[in-house]
């Protein structure tokens, strides 16, 4: 599976899928791809991808098919078909492997795997690490599946970043949602911390240095705070996608026989931001809502190059 003759199919060339697809081309793989947006497909073709006319055509050519799609409904529509008949899933050849990189629903992952043609393997491998991680090959991938399928996925996934074997099929999706659960809690809390410090006269640069060099540090504080300082609030991931992931997390949390107040509070904070600024606004508008309500500014002079442009 690791040599250059392996045919890789890639469906979904959005903000994460496009750089992952290009990364595979850059590391010597032959990639056939499809996206509904013609401009995305054209850009991928200029980067060396073989453009196909449909997701089903991609699947039919693939030894390994990767999907990177925004929502579970999108995965189902591509793989099963909108009319209920199998589409891309049915086109996969015996001996091929499907890797779903989407942040998905555990039950849907397992259901589609069970519906795959005989001899087709599947792993769920949702990713974290933002657009800059996708461009540089420094993502973290949470992989679930049969050990043989996980082993077969490694030559394709290793160029994308660090692979963490999470166990059985569906576990990768659960782990990804837990990491996003904590990410959203941190993102909502960071704006609250900034508000308390700035309101009481602490210089924002000093406050940020204190946060990132103390027990308050986090990936959010390091990676995401500059998007707040710059005032663009990271448009590469929308509030609507945050709410989608929080909804999927709520489905998992319903099985926990205990209250999860931090998760509930984060969900409410992102919902309030989406209501104020719209679901297409950048994720860190969750902090902007605090700025606007409190009459504060979290702008900080500096060369805050968006991570996806570095």
C-alpha atoms as a PDB file:
ATOM      1  CA  UNK A   1       0.000   0.000   0.000  1.00  0.00           C
ATOM      2  CA  UNK A   2       2.950   2.338   0.493  1.00  0.00           C
ATOM      3  CA  UNK A   3       4.440   2.509  -3.009  1.00  0.00           C
ATOM      4  CA  UNK A   4       3.787   5.176  -5.596  1.00  0.00           C
ATOM      5  CA  UNK A   5       1.411   2.886  -7.537  1.00  0.00           C
ATOM      6  CA  UNK A   6      -1.215   3.146  -4.795  1.00  0.00           C
ATOM      7  CA  UNK A   7      -4.150   5.104  -6.192  1.00  0.00           C
ATOM      8  CA  UNK A   8      -5.510   7.529  -3.624  1.00  0.00           C
ATOM      9  CA  UNK A   9      -8.929   9.117  -3.966  1.00  0.00           C
ATOM     10  CA  UNK A  10      -9.824  12.297  -2.107  1.00  0.00           C
ATOM     11  CA  UNK A  11     -13.317  13.779  -1.786  1.00  0.00           C
ATOM     12  CA  UNK A  12     -13.771  17.174  -0.110  1.00  0.00           C
ATOM     13  CA  UNK A  13     -11.337  20.017  -0.809  1.00  0.00           C
ATOM     14  CA  UNK A  14     -12.395  22.529   1.835  1.00  0.00           C
ATOM     15  CA  UNK A  15     -10.182  24.456   4.232  1.00  0.00           C
ATOM     16  CA  UNK A  16      -8.731  21.231   5.685  1.00  0.00           C
ATOM     17  CA  UNK A  17      -9.213  18.805   2.804  1.00  0.00           C
ATOM     18  CA  UNK A  18      -7.401  20.899   0.194  1.00  0.00           C
ATOM     19  CA  UNK A  19      -4.108  21.202   2.085  1.00  0.00           C
ATOM     20  CA  UNK A  20      -4.226  17.542   3.128  1.00  0.00           C
ATOM     21  CA  UNK A  21      -4.751  16.539  -0.496  1.00  0.00           C
ATOM     22  CA  UNK A  22      -1.858  18.727  -1.641  1.00  0.00           C
ATOM     23  CA  UNK A  23       0.318  17.294   1.116  1.00  0.00           C
ATOM     24  CA  UNK A  24      -0.252  13.783  -0.238  1.00  0.00           C
ATOM     25  CA  UNK A  25       0.751  14.920  -3.735  1.00  0.00           C
ATOM     26  CA  UNK A  26       3.854  16.629  -2.342  1.00  0.00           C
ATOM     27  CA  UNK A  27       4.912  13.420  -0.612  1.00  0.00           C
ATOM     28  CA  UNK A  28       4.770  11.415  -3.827  1.00  0.00           C
ATOM     29  CA  UNK A  29       1.282   9.958  -3.909  1.00  0.00           C
ATOM     30  CA  UNK A  30      -0.932   9.784  -6.979  1.00  0.00           C
ATOM     31  CA  UNK A  31      -4.248  11.422  -6.025  1.00  0.00           C
ATOM     32  CA  UNK A  32      -7.602  11.570  -7.839  1.00  0.00           C
ATOM     33  CA  UNK A  33      -9.997  14.081  -6.272  1.00  0.00           C
ATOM     34  CA  UNK A  34     -13.436  15.644  -6.426  1.00  0.00           C
ATOM     35  CA  UNK A  35     -15.212  18.594  -4.836  1.00  0.00           C
ATOM     36  CA  UNK A  36     -18.584  20.161  -5.566  1.00  0.00           C
ATOM     37  CA  UNK A  37     -16.886  23.567  -5.902  1.00  0.00           C
ATOM     38  CA  UNK A  38     -15.258  23.713  -9.334  1.00  0.00           C
ATOM     39  CA  UNK A  39     -12.781  26.388  -8.271  1.00  0.00           C
ATOM     40  CA  UNK A  40     -11.450  24.147  -5.519  1.00  0.00           C
ATOM     41  CA  UNK A  41     -11.083  21.248  -7.912  1.00  0.00           C
ATOM     42  CA  UNK A  42      -9.300  23.457 -10.447  1.00  0.00           C
ATOM     43  CA  UNK A  43      -6.879  24.676  -7.771  1.00  0.00           C
ATOM     44  CA  UNK A  44      -6.146  21.083  -6.771  1.00  0.00           C
ATOM     45  CA  UNK A  45      -5.508  20.149 -10.395  1.00  0.00           C
ATOM     46  CA  UNK A  46      -2.968  22.951 -10.669  1.00  0.00           C
ATOM     47  CA  UNK A  47      -1.220  21.382  -7.656  1.00  0.00           C
ATOM     48  CA  UNK A  48      -0.928  18.011  -9.406  1.00  0.00           C
ATOM     49  CA  UNK A  49      -4.182  16.268  -8.465  1.00  0.00           C
ATOM     50  CA  UNK A  50      -6.122  14.337 -11.111  1.00  0.00           C
ATOM     51  CA  UNK A  51      -9.585  15.921 -11.187  1.00  0.00           C
ATOM     52  CA  UNK A  52     -12.576  13.592 -11.476  1.00  0.00           C
ATOM     53  CA  UNK A  53     -16.182  14.314 -12.431  1.00  0.00           C
ATOM     54  CA  UNK A  54     -17.812  12.859  -9.315  1.00  0.00           C
ATOM     55  CA  UNK A  55     -17.185  11.309  -5.928  1.00  0.00           C
ATOM     56  CA  UNK A  56     -18.282   7.967  -7.362  1.00  0.00           C
ATOM     57  CA  UNK A  57     -15.646   8.224 -10.100  1.00  0.00           C
ATOM     58  CA  UNK A  58     -13.004   8.938  -7.459  1.00  0.00           C
ATOM     59  CA  UNK A  59     -14.072   5.924  -5.416  1.00  0.00           C
ATOM     60  CA  UNK A  60     -13.964   3.664  -8.472  1.00  0.00           C
ATOM     61  CA  UNK A  61     -10.294   4.549  -9.103  1.00  0.00           C
ATOM     62  CA  UNK A  62      -9.118   4.324  -5.509  1.00  0.00           C
ATOM     63  CA  UNK A  63      -7.077   1.772  -3.630  1.00  0.00           C
ATOM     64  CA  UNK A  64      -7.499   4.126  -0.675  1.00  0.00           C
ATOM     65  CA  UNK A  65     -10.368   6.640  -0.545  1.00  0.00           C
ATOM     66  CA  UNK A  66     -10.224   9.602   1.833  1.00  0.00           C
ATOM     67  CA  UNK A  67     -13.207  11.810   2.597  1.00  0.00           C
ATOM     68  CA  UNK A  68     -12.963  15.189   4.329  1.00  0.00           C
ATOM     69  CA  UNK A  69     -16.434  16.671   4.558  1.00  0.00           C
ATOM     70  CA  UNK A  70     -18.061  19.271   6.824  1.00  0.00           C
ATOM     71  CA  UNK A  71     -20.946  17.324   8.364  1.00  0.00           C
ATOM     72  CA  UNK A  72     -22.219  13.777   8.864  1.00  0.00           C
ATOM     73  CA  UNK A  73     -25.049  14.464   6.406  1.00  0.00           C
ATOM     74  CA  UNK A  74     -22.463  15.316   3.751  1.00  0.00           C
ATOM     75  CA  UNK A  75     -20.603  12.055   4.371  1.00  0.00           C
ATOM     76  CA  UNK A  76     -23.834  10.098   4.100  1.00  0.00           C
ATOM     77  CA  UNK A  77     -24.875  11.893   0.901  1.00  0.00           C
ATOM     78  CA  UNK A  78     -21.530  11.196  -0.777  1.00  0.00           C
ATOM     79  CA  UNK A  79     -21.162   7.597   0.335  1.00  0.00           C
ATOM     80  CA  UNK A  80     -24.757   6.367   0.357  1.00  0.00           C
ATOM     81  CA  UNK A  81     -26.340   8.716  -2.168  1.00  0.00           C
ATOM     82  CA  UNK A  82     -29.148  11.190  -1.643  1.00  0.00           C
ATOM     83  CA  UNK A  83     -31.866   8.776  -2.770  1.00  0.00           C
ATOM     84  CA  UNK A  84     -30.822   6.036  -0.371  1.00  0.00           C
ATOM     85  CA  UNK A  85     -28.974   3.953  -2.978  1.00  0.00           C
ATOM     86  CA  UNK A  86     -25.278   3.387  -2.342  1.00  0.00           C
ATOM     87  CA  UNK A  87     -23.132   5.756  -4.373  1.00  0.00           C
ATOM     88  CA  UNK A  88     -19.388   6.184  -3.723  1.00  0.00           C
ATOM     89  CA  UNK A  89     -19.453   3.388  -1.152  1.00  0.00           C
ATOM     90  CA  UNK A  90     -20.744   0.888  -3.678  1.00  0.00           C
ATOM     91  CA  UNK A  91     -18.115   1.965  -6.205  1.00  0.00           C
ATOM     92  CA  UNK A  92     -15.234   0.897  -3.948  1.00  0.00           C
ATOM     93  CA  UNK A  93     -13.471  -2.237  -5.163  1.00  0.00           C
ATOM     94  CA  UNK A  94     -12.835  -5.310  -2.985  1.00  0.00           C
ATOM     95  CA  UNK A  95      -9.505  -4.883  -1.259  1.00  0.00           C
ATOM     96  CA  UNK A  96      -9.785  -1.097  -1.097  1.00  0.00           C
ATOM     97  CA  UNK A  97      -9.832   1.011   2.070  1.00  0.00           C
ATOM     98  CA  UNK A  98     -12.014   3.991   3.005  1.00  0.00           C
ATOM     99  CA  UNK A  99     -10.582   6.524   5.470  1.00  0.00           C
ATOM    100  CA  UNK A 100     -13.049   9.134   6.740  1.00  0.00           C
ATOM    101  CA  UNK A 101     -11.207  12.248   7.933  1.00  0.00           C
ATOM    102  CA  UNK A 102     -14.452  14.087   8.747  1.00  0.00           C
ATOM    103  CA  UNK A 103     -15.673  14.942  12.221  1.00  0.00           C
ATOM    104  CA  UNK A 104     -18.562  12.525  12.076  1.00  0.00           C
ATOM    105  CA  UNK A 105     -21.177  10.695  14.118  1.00  0.00           C
ATOM    106  CA  UNK A 106     -19.928   7.409  15.600  1.00  0.00           C
ATOM    107  CA  UNK A 107     -23.080   5.480  14.722  1.00  0.00           C
ATOM    108  CA  UNK A 108     -22.991   6.667  11.106  1.00  0.00           C
ATOM    109  CA  UNK A 109     -19.356   5.603  10.745  1.00  0.00           C
ATOM    110  CA  UNK A 110     -20.225   2.115  11.956  1.00  0.00           C
ATOM    111  CA  UNK A 111     -23.398   1.912   9.858  1.00  0.00           C
ATOM    112  CA  UNK A 112     -21.644   2.881   6.620  1.00  0.00           C
ATOM    113  CA  UNK A 113     -18.770   0.492   7.322  1.00  0.00           C
ATOM    114  CA  UNK A 114     -21.290  -2.329   7.726  1.00  0.00           C
ATOM    115  CA  UNK A 115     -22.901  -1.359   4.405  1.00  0.00           C
ATOM    116  CA  UNK A 116     -19.615  -1.382   2.472  1.00  0.00           C
ATOM    117  CA  UNK A 117     -19.086  -4.033  -0.220  1.00  0.00           C
ATOM    118  CA  UNK A 118     -17.390  -7.236   0.848  1.00  0.00           C
ATOM    119  CA  UNK A 119     -13.652  -6.848   1.084  1.00  0.00           C
ATOM    120  CA  UNK A 120     -13.695  -3.080   1.673  1.00  0.00           C
ATOM    121  CA  UNK A 121     -12.080  -1.897   4.916  1.00  0.00           C
ATOM    122  CA  UNK A 122     -12.747   1.321   6.804  1.00  0.00           C
ATOM    123  CA  UNK A 123     -11.121   3.480   9.445  1.00  0.00           C
ATOM    124  CA  UNK A 124     -12.350   6.730  10.937  1.00  0.00           C
ATOM    125  CA  UNK A 125      -9.496   9.223  11.208  1.00  0.00           C
ATOM    126  CA  UNK A 126     -10.719  12.718  12.122  1.00  0.00           C
ATOM    127  CA  UNK A 127      -7.963  15.291  12.408  1.00  0.00           C
ATOM    128  CA  UNK A 128      -6.940  18.196  14.595  1.00  0.00           C
ATOM    129  CA  UNK A 129      -4.259  20.831  14.178  1.00  0.00           C
ATOM    130  CA  UNK A 130      -5.925  23.559  12.099  1.00  0.00           C
ATOM    131  CA  UNK A 131      -5.169  24.656   8.544  1.00  0.00           C
ATOM    132  CA  UNK A 132      -1.508  25.365   9.236  1.00  0.00           C
ATOM    133  CA  UNK A 133      -1.066  21.828  10.550  1.00  0.00           C
ATOM    134  CA  UNK A 134      -2.708  20.444   7.416  1.00  0.00           C
ATOM    135  CA  UNK A 135      -0.367  22.442   5.193  1.00  0.00           C
ATOM    136  CA  UNK A 136       2.799  21.433   7.026  1.00  0.00           C
ATOM    137  CA  UNK A 137       1.964  17.797   7.778  1.00  0.00           C
ATOM    138  CA  UNK A 138       1.704  18.377  11.526  1.00  0.00           C
ATOM    139  CA  UNK A 139      -1.854  17.295  12.169  1.00  0.00           C
ATOM    140  CA  UNK A 140      -2.885  14.780  14.793  1.00  0.00           C
ATOM    141  CA  UNK A 141      -5.126  12.019  13.456  1.00  0.00           C
ATOM    142  CA  UNK A 142      -7.371   9.969  15.738  1.00  0.00           C
ATOM    143  CA  UNK A 143      -7.741   6.583  14.060  1.00  0.00           C
ATOM    144  CA  UNK A 144     -10.279   3.880  14.843  1.00  0.00           C
ATOM    145  CA  UNK A 145     -10.694   0.555  13.108  1.00  0.00           C
ATOM    146  CA  UNK A 146      -9.624  -3.054  12.831  1.00  0.00           C
ATOM    147  CA  UNK A 147      -5.866  -3.336  13.464  1.00  0.00           C
ATOM    148  CA  UNK A 148      -5.252  -4.626   9.924  1.00  0.00           C
ATOM    149  CA  UNK A 149      -7.110  -1.657   8.412  1.00  0.00           C
ATOM    150  CA  UNK A 150      -5.308   0.802  10.675  1.00  0.00           C
ATOM    151  CA  UNK A 151      -1.960  -0.688   9.623  1.00  0.00           C
ATOM    152  CA  UNK A 152      -2.957  -0.338   5.955  1.00  0.00           C
ATOM    153  CA  UNK A 153      -3.891   3.300   6.510  1.00  0.00           C
ATOM    154  CA  UNK A 154      -0.538   4.316   7.986  1.00  0.00           C
ATOM    155  CA  UNK A 155       1.449   4.884   4.744  1.00  0.00           C
ATOM    156  CA  UNK A 156      -1.243   7.322   3.615  1.00  0.00           C
ATOM    157  CA  UNK A 157      -1.863   9.015   6.967  1.00  0.00           C
ATOM    158  CA  UNK A 158       1.719   9.309   8.239  1.00  0.00           C
ATOM    159  CA  UNK A 159       2.598  12.151   5.815  1.00  0.00           C
ATOM    160  CA  UNK A 160      -0.292  14.156   7.277  1.00  0.00           C
ATOM    161  CA  UNK A 161       0.944  14.100  10.873  1.00  0.00           C
ATOM    162  CA  UNK A 162       0.934  12.069  14.070  1.00  0.00           C
ATOM    163  CA  UNK A 163      -1.392   9.049  14.086  1.00  0.00           C
ATOM    164  CA  UNK A 164      -2.956   7.997  17.393  1.00  0.00           C
ATOM    165  CA  UNK A 165      -4.532   4.531  17.361  1.00  0.00           C
ATOM    166  CA  UNK A 166      -7.757   4.921  19.318  1.00  0.00           C
ATOM    167  CA  UNK A 167      -8.987   1.321  19.107  1.00  0.00           C
ATOM    168  CA  UNK A 168     -12.138   0.061  17.450  1.00  0.00           C
ATOM    169  CA  UNK A 169     -14.002   1.703  14.584  1.00  0.00           C
ATOM    170  CA  UNK A 170     -15.804   4.829  15.810  1.00  0.00           C
ATOM    171  CA  UNK A 171     -13.366   5.547  18.623  1.00  0.00           C
ATOM    172  CA  UNK A 172     -11.455   8.020  16.480  1.00  0.00           C
ATOM    173  CA  UNK A 173     -14.639  10.041  16.123  1.00  0.00           C
ATOM    174  CA  UNK A 174     -15.296   9.948  19.871  1.00  0.00           C
ATOM    175  CA  UNK A 175     -11.753  11.083  20.676  1.00  0.00           C
ATOM    176  CA  UNK A 176     -11.947  13.924  18.141  1.00  0.00           C
ATOM    177  CA  UNK A 177     -15.200  15.178  19.648  1.00  0.00           C
ATOM    178  CA  UNK A 178     -13.691  15.096  23.153  1.00  0.00           C
ATOM    179  CA  UNK A 179     -10.734  17.171  21.976  1.00  0.00           C
ATOM    180  CA  UNK A 180     -13.122  19.664  20.366  1.00  0.00           C
ATOM    181  CA  UNK A 181     -15.272  19.678  23.505  1.00  0.00           C
ATOM    182  CA  UNK A 182     -12.247  20.862  25.502  1.00  0.00           C
ATOM    183  CA  UNK A 183     -11.090  23.213  22.745  1.00  0.00           C
ATOM    184  CA  UNK A 184     -14.427  25.033  22.742  1.00  0.00           C
ATOM    185  CA  UNK A 185     -14.447  25.272  26.528  1.00  0.00           C
ATOM    186  CA  UNK A 186     -10.947  26.800  26.416  1.00  0.00           C
ATOM    187  CA  UNK A 187     -11.893  29.197  23.611  1.00  0.00           C
ATOM    188  CA  UNK A 188     -14.938  30.474  25.479  1.00  0.00           C
ATOM    189  CA  UNK A 189     -12.952  30.801  28.699  1.00  0.00           C
ATOM    190  CA  UNK A 190     -10.041  32.673  27.091  1.00  0.00           C
ATOM    191  CA  UNK A 191     -12.242  35.621  26.164  1.00  0.00           C
ATOM    192  CA  UNK A 192     -13.594  35.738  29.705  1.00  0.00           C
ATOM    193  CA  UNK A 193     -10.068  35.817  31.134  1.00  0.00           C
ATOM    194  CA  UNK A 194      -9.044  38.584  28.759  1.00  0.00           C
ATOM    195  CA  UNK A 195     -12.108  40.585  29.790  1.00  0.00           C
ATOM    196  CA  UNK A 196     -11.362  40.391  33.517  1.00  0.00           C
ATOM    197  CA  UNK A 197      -7.714  41.366  33.093  1.00  0.00           C
ATOM    198  CA  UNK A 198      -8.240  44.186  30.592  1.00  0.00           C
ATOM    199  CA  UNK A 199     -11.162  45.652  32.545  1.00  0.00           C
ATOM    200  CA  UNK A 200      -8.873  45.982  35.554  1.00  0.00           C
ATOM    201  CA  UNK A 201      -6.087  47.713  33.667  1.00  0.00           C
ATOM    202  CA  UNK A 202      -3.705  44.893  32.810  1.00  0.00           C
ATOM    203  CA  UNK A 203      -1.940  45.354  29.467  1.00  0.00           C
ATOM    204  CA  UNK A 204      -3.211  42.664  27.095  1.00  0.00           C
ATOM    205  CA  UNK A 205       0.304  41.714  25.947  1.00  0.00           C
ATOM    206  CA  UNK A 206       1.379  41.255  29.562  1.00  0.00           C
ATOM    207  CA  UNK A 207      -1.744  39.239  30.294  1.00  0.00           C
ATOM    208  CA  UNK A 208      -1.159  36.967  27.302  1.00  0.00           C
ATOM    209  CA  UNK A 209       2.456  36.387  28.309  1.00  0.00           C
ATOM    210  CA  UNK A 210       1.307  35.460  31.799  1.00  0.00           C
ATOM    211  CA  UNK A 211      -1.322  33.057  30.478  1.00  0.00           C
ATOM    212  CA  UNK A 212       1.020  31.282  28.063  1.00  0.00           C
ATOM    213  CA  UNK A 213       3.741  30.906  30.718  1.00  0.00           C
ATOM    214  CA  UNK A 214       1.602  29.561  33.537  1.00  0.00           C
ATOM    215  CA  UNK A 215      -0.920  26.894  34.465  1.00  0.00           C
ATOM    216  CA  UNK A 216      -3.445  28.775  32.296  1.00  0.00           C
ATOM    217  CA  UNK A 217      -1.639  27.841  29.079  1.00  0.00           C
ATOM    218  CA  UNK A 218      -3.336  25.850  26.304  1.00  0.00           C
ATOM    219  CA  UNK A 219      -3.226  25.301  22.538  1.00  0.00           C
ATOM    220  CA  UNK A 220      -6.014  27.869  22.315  1.00  0.00           C
ATOM    221  CA  UNK A 221      -3.993  30.479  24.191  1.00  0.00           C
ATOM    222  CA  UNK A 222      -0.969  29.967  21.947  1.00  0.00           C
ATOM    223  CA  UNK A 223      -2.543  29.265  18.578  1.00  0.00           C
ATOM    224  CA  UNK A 224      -5.918  31.014  18.623  1.00  0.00           C
ATOM    225  CA  UNK A 225      -5.370  34.170  20.668  1.00  0.00           C
ATOM    226  CA  UNK A 226      -3.548  35.960  17.799  1.00  0.00           C
ATOM    227  CA  UNK A 227      -6.729  35.644  15.706  1.00  0.00           C
ATOM    228  CA  UNK A 228      -8.507  37.600  18.448  1.00  0.00           C
ATOM    229  CA  UNK A 229      -5.716  40.173  18.623  1.00  0.00           C
ATOM    230  CA  UNK A 230      -5.874  40.665  14.833  1.00  0.00           C
ATOM    231  CA  UNK A 231      -9.657  41.012  14.890  1.00  0.00           C
ATOM    232  CA  UNK A 232     -10.438  38.431  12.174  1.00  0.00           C
ATOM    233  CA  UNK A 233     -11.458  35.736  14.711  1.00  0.00           C
ATOM    234  CA  UNK A 234     -10.247  32.878  12.450  1.00  0.00           C
ATOM    235  CA  UNK A 235     -12.656  32.566   9.520  1.00  0.00           C
ATOM    236  CA  UNK A 236     -11.123  29.187   8.581  1.00  0.00           C
ATOM    237  CA  UNK A 237     -13.500  27.482  11.056  1.00  0.00           C
ATOM    238  CA  UNK A 238     -17.005  28.843  11.470  1.00  0.00           C
ATOM    239  CA  UNK A 239     -19.288  29.193  14.460  1.00  0.00           C
ATOM    240  CA  UNK A 240     -21.733  26.955  12.603  1.00  0.00           C
ATOM    241  CA  UNK A 241     -19.177  24.146  12.499  1.00  0.00           C
ATOM    242  CA  UNK A 242     -18.460  24.681  16.193  1.00  0.00           C
ATOM    243  CA  UNK A 243     -22.147  24.240  16.931  1.00  0.00           C
ATOM    244  CA  UNK A 244     -22.286  21.148  14.712  1.00  0.00           C
ATOM    245  CA  UNK A 245     -19.461  19.561  16.697  1.00  0.00           C
ATOM    246  CA  UNK A 246     -20.978  20.599  20.009  1.00  0.00           C
ATOM    247  CA  UNK A 247     -24.247  18.999  18.936  1.00  0.00           C
ATOM    248  CA  UNK A 248     -22.424  15.749  18.163  1.00  0.00           C
ATOM    249  CA  UNK A 249     -20.697  16.005  21.543  1.00  0.00           C
ATOM    250  CA  UNK A 250     -24.067  16.454  23.222  1.00  0.00           C
ATOM    251  CA  UNK A 251     -25.216  13.176  21.648  1.00  0.00           C
ATOM    252  CA  UNK A 252     -22.255  11.398  23.242  1.00  0.00           C
ATOM    253  CA  UNK A 253     -22.674  13.254  26.534  1.00  0.00           C
ATOM    254  CA  UNK A 254     -26.281  12.085  26.842  1.00  0.00           C
ATOM    255  CA  UNK A 255     -24.937   8.633  27.773  1.00  0.00           C
ATOM    256  CA  UNK A 256     -22.999  10.072  30.746  1.00  0.00           C
ATOM    257  CA  UNK A 257     -25.026   9.867  33.942  1.00  0.00           C
ATOM    258  CA  UNK A 258     -23.811  13.205  35.277  1.00  0.00           C
ATOM    259  CA  UNK A 259     -24.184  16.885  34.504  1.00  0.00           C
ATOM    260  CA  UNK A 260     -21.496  18.419  32.276  1.00  0.00           C
ATOM    261  CA  UNK A 261     -21.906  22.123  33.062  1.00  0.00           C
ATOM    262  CA  UNK A 262     -18.705  23.318  31.369  1.00  0.00           C
ATOM    263  CA  UNK A 263     -19.737  21.723  28.094  1.00  0.00           C
ATOM    264  CA  UNK A 264     -23.235  23.155  28.416  1.00  0.00           C
ATOM    265  CA  UNK A 265     -21.815  26.630  29.102  1.00  0.00           C
ATOM    266  CA  UNK A 266     -19.501  26.467  26.085  1.00  0.00           C
ATOM    267  CA  UNK A 267     -22.384  25.409  23.855  1.00  0.00           C
ATOM    268  CA  UNK A 268     -24.452  28.344  25.097  1.00  0.00           C
ATOM    269  CA  UNK A 269     -21.555  30.758  24.525  1.00  0.00           C
ATOM    270  CA  UNK A 270     -21.055  29.644  20.924  1.00  0.00           C
ATOM    271  CA  UNK A 271     -24.804  29.697  20.276  1.00  0.00           C
ATOM    272  CA  UNK A 272     -24.979  33.294  21.539  1.00  0.00           C
ATOM    273  CA  UNK A 273     -22.084  34.296  19.266  1.00  0.00           C
ATOM    274  CA  UNK A 274     -23.666  32.604  16.245  1.00  0.00           C
ATOM    275  CA  UNK A 275     -26.980  34.344  16.920  1.00  0.00           C
ATOM    276  CA  UNK A 276     -25.169  37.698  17.130  1.00  0.00           C
ATOM    277  CA  UNK A 277     -22.736  37.397  14.207  1.00  0.00           C
ATOM    278  CA  UNK A 278     -24.143  34.577  12.088  1.00  0.00           C
ATOM    279  CA  UNK A 279     -23.125  30.927  11.696  1.00  0.00           C
ATOM    280  CA  UNK A 280     -20.557  31.720   8.987  1.00  0.00           C
ATOM    281  CA  UNK A 281     -18.544  34.039  11.243  1.00  0.00           C
ATOM    282  CA  UNK A 282     -15.195  32.815  12.539  1.00  0.00           C
ATOM    283  CA  UNK A 283     -15.110  30.608  15.609  1.00  0.00           C
ATOM    284  CA  UNK A 284     -13.398  33.154  17.878  1.00  0.00           C
ATOM    285  CA  UNK A 285     -16.297  35.555  17.606  1.00  0.00           C
ATOM    286  CA  UNK A 286     -17.148  33.761  20.853  1.00  0.00           C
ATOM    287  CA  UNK A 287     -14.621  36.209  22.371  1.00  0.00           C
ATOM    288  CA  UNK A 288     -15.849  39.157  20.299  1.00  0.00           C
ATOM    289  CA  UNK A 289     -19.272  38.856  21.900  1.00  0.00           C
ATOM    290  CA  UNK A 290     -17.642  39.530  25.278  1.00  0.00           C
ATOM    291  CA  UNK A 291     -15.684  42.480  23.869  1.00  0.00           C
ATOM    292  CA  UNK A 292     -18.796  44.041  22.410  1.00  0.00           C
ATOM    293  CA  UNK A 293     -20.974  43.517  25.472  1.00  0.00           C
ATOM    294  CA  UNK A 294     -18.320  44.817  27.876  1.00  0.00           C
ATOM    295  CA  UNK A 295     -17.182  47.697  25.666  1.00  0.00           C
ATOM    296  CA  UNK A 296     -13.607  46.370  25.627  1.00  0.00           C
ATOM    297  CA  UNK A 297     -11.058  45.811  22.871  1.00  0.00           C
ATOM    298  CA  UNK A 298      -8.812  42.786  22.553  1.00  0.00           C
ATOM    299  CA  UNK A 299      -6.833  44.276  19.643  1.00  0.00           C
ATOM    300  CA  UNK A 300      -3.088  43.997  20.104  1.00  0.00           C
ATOM    301  CA  UNK A 301      -0.562  45.549  17.694  1.00  0.00           C
ATOM    302  CA  UNK A 302       1.743  43.035  16.065  1.00  0.00           C
ATOM    303  CA  UNK A 303       2.468  40.933  12.998  1.00  0.00           C
ATOM    304  CA  UNK A 304      -0.403  38.508  13.462  1.00  0.00           C
ATOM    305  CA  UNK A 305      -0.086  36.509  10.262  1.00  0.00           C
ATOM    306  CA  UNK A 306      -3.064  34.171   9.947  1.00  0.00           C
ATOM    307  CA  UNK A 307      -1.818  30.613  10.614  1.00  0.00           C
ATOM    308  CA  UNK A 308      -3.148  29.361   7.291  1.00  0.00           C
ATOM    309  CA  UNK A 309      -0.959  31.927   5.472  1.00  0.00           C
ATOM    310  CA  UNK A 310       2.315  31.115   7.221  1.00  0.00           C
END
